[in-house]
């Protein structure tokens, strides 16, 4: 992600998040699901690229990450999970009176 993209606000403009279903929990679940679908599609493309470049899927399966790679993966995974559950986190922080955009 470029710095330019990371400076964008993480919430839609206006007082409330758009609602598409009659029950707000369905909107929350759909937000999480759509974020997850987007990530999975991107990951599948990247895996396909790596396997084609490697030319040997068995080598990909046998790879064991070193400590630095494992730490980077954990950081990326944590960021991803926070992004997936952002909708719920914002609601909880709003109930507590915290500002999630800070």
Protein backbone atom coordinates (compact mmCIF):
# COMPACT_ATOMS: atom_id res chain seq x y z
CA UNK A 1 0.00 0.00 0.00
CA UNK A 2 1.37 3.39 -0.86
CA UNK A 3 1.48 6.25 1.59
CA UNK A 4 -0.94 8.07 -0.67
CA UNK A 5 -3.59 5.37 -0.16
CA UNK A 6 -2.97 5.01 3.57
CA UNK A 7 -3.85 8.68 4.14
CA UNK A 8 -7.42 8.17 2.97
CA UNK A 9 -10.18 8.21 5.59
CA UNK A 10 -11.22 4.70 6.62
CA UNK A 11 -14.91 5.58 6.98
CA UNK A 12 -17.61 6.69 4.56
CA UNK A 13 -18.56 10.34 4.69
CA UNK A 14 -21.67 11.16 6.65
CA UNK A 15 -22.98 10.30 10.07
CA UNK A 16 -23.95 6.69 9.37
CA UNK A 17 -22.66 3.75 7.42
CA UNK A 18 -24.90 2.93 4.42
CA UNK A 19 -27.49 0.24 5.15
CA UNK A 20 -28.64 -2.23 2.50
CA UNK A 21 -30.46 -4.87 4.55
CA UNK A 22 -33.26 -4.55 7.06
CA UNK A 23 -31.08 -5.89 9.87
CA UNK A 24 -27.85 -3.98 10.54
CA UNK A 25 -25.98 -7.14 11.54
CA UNK A 26 -26.43 -8.45 7.99
CA UNK A 27 -24.71 -5.31 6.71
CA UNK A 28 -21.82 -5.93 9.08
CA UNK A 29 -21.45 -9.55 8.02
CA UNK A 30 -21.65 -8.57 4.35
CA UNK A 31 -18.91 -5.96 4.86
CA UNK A 32 -16.65 -8.58 6.41
CA UNK A 33 -17.54 -11.13 3.74
CA UNK A 34 -16.85 -8.74 0.86
CA UNK A 35 -13.49 -7.75 2.33
CA UNK A 36 -12.63 -11.43 2.71
CA UNK A 37 -13.71 -12.28 -0.85
CA UNK A 38 -11.58 -9.45 -2.21
CA UNK A 39 -8.53 -10.68 -0.29
CA UNK A 40 -9.01 -14.31 -1.32
CA UNK A 41 -9.27 -13.36 -5.00
CA UNK A 42 -6.08 -11.33 -4.75
CA UNK A 43 -4.27 -14.11 -2.90
CA UNK A 44 -5.28 -16.71 -5.47
CA UNK A 45 -3.84 -14.54 -8.26
CA UNK A 46 -0.59 -14.08 -6.36
CA UNK A 47 -0.28 -17.81 -5.62
CA UNK A 48 -0.87 -18.59 -9.29
CA UNK A 49 1.85 -16.10 -10.28
CA UNK A 50 4.35 -17.55 -7.81
CA UNK A 51 3.67 -21.13 -8.84
CA UNK A 52 4.06 -20.26 -12.52
CA UNK A 53 7.32 -18.43 -11.82
CA UNK A 54 8.64 -21.27 -9.67
CA UNK A 55 7.58 -23.83 -12.25
CA UNK A 56 7.32 -26.41 -9.51
CA UNK A 57 4.35 -26.49 -7.16
CA UNK A 58 6.11 -29.03 -4.93
CA UNK A 59 8.83 -26.47 -4.13
CA UNK A 60 6.15 -24.04 -3.02
CA UNK A 61 4.61 -26.66 -0.71
CA UNK A 62 8.00 -27.56 0.81
CA UNK A 63 8.98 -23.95 1.63
CA UNK A 64 9.53 -23.16 5.33
CA UNK A 65 9.77 -19.43 6.16
CA UNK A 66 12.69 -18.11 8.22
CA UNK A 67 12.09 -16.06 11.39
CA UNK A 68 11.97 -12.71 9.56
CA UNK A 69 9.50 -14.01 6.96
CA UNK A 70 7.36 -15.55 9.70
CA UNK A 71 7.30 -12.23 11.61
CA UNK A 72 6.35 -10.33 8.45
CA UNK A 73 3.56 -12.81 7.74
CA UNK A 74 2.24 -12.44 11.29
CA UNK A 75 2.22 -8.64 11.00
CA UNK A 76 0.44 -8.84 7.63
CA UNK A 77 -2.09 -11.32 9.05
CA UNK A 78 -2.82 -9.04 12.03
CA UNK A 79 -3.36 -6.05 9.75
CA UNK A 80 -5.64 -8.14 7.55
CA UNK A 81 -7.74 -9.34 10.48
CA UNK A 82 -8.10 -5.79 11.80
CA UNK A 83 -9.27 -4.68 8.34
CA UNK A 84 -11.79 -7.53 8.11
CA UNK A 85 -13.31 -6.76 11.48
CA UNK A 86 -13.07 -2.98 11.13
CA UNK A 87 -16.86 -2.68 10.90
CA UNK A 88 -17.37 -4.39 14.24
CA UNK A 89 -14.43 -2.59 15.86
CA UNK A 90 -15.83 0.80 14.83
CA UNK A 91 -19.18 -0.07 16.39
CA UNK A 92 -17.58 -1.19 19.66
CA UNK A 93 -15.38 1.91 19.81
CA UNK A 94 -18.38 4.14 19.10
CA UNK A 95 -20.23 2.53 22.00
CA UNK A 96 -17.23 3.15 24.26
CA UNK A 97 -16.96 6.73 22.99
CA UNK A 98 -13.54 6.20 21.38
CA UNK A 99 -12.61 7.69 18.01
CA UNK A 100 -11.68 4.79 15.66
CA UNK A 101 -10.11 7.12 13.09
CA UNK A 102 -7.47 8.35 15.54
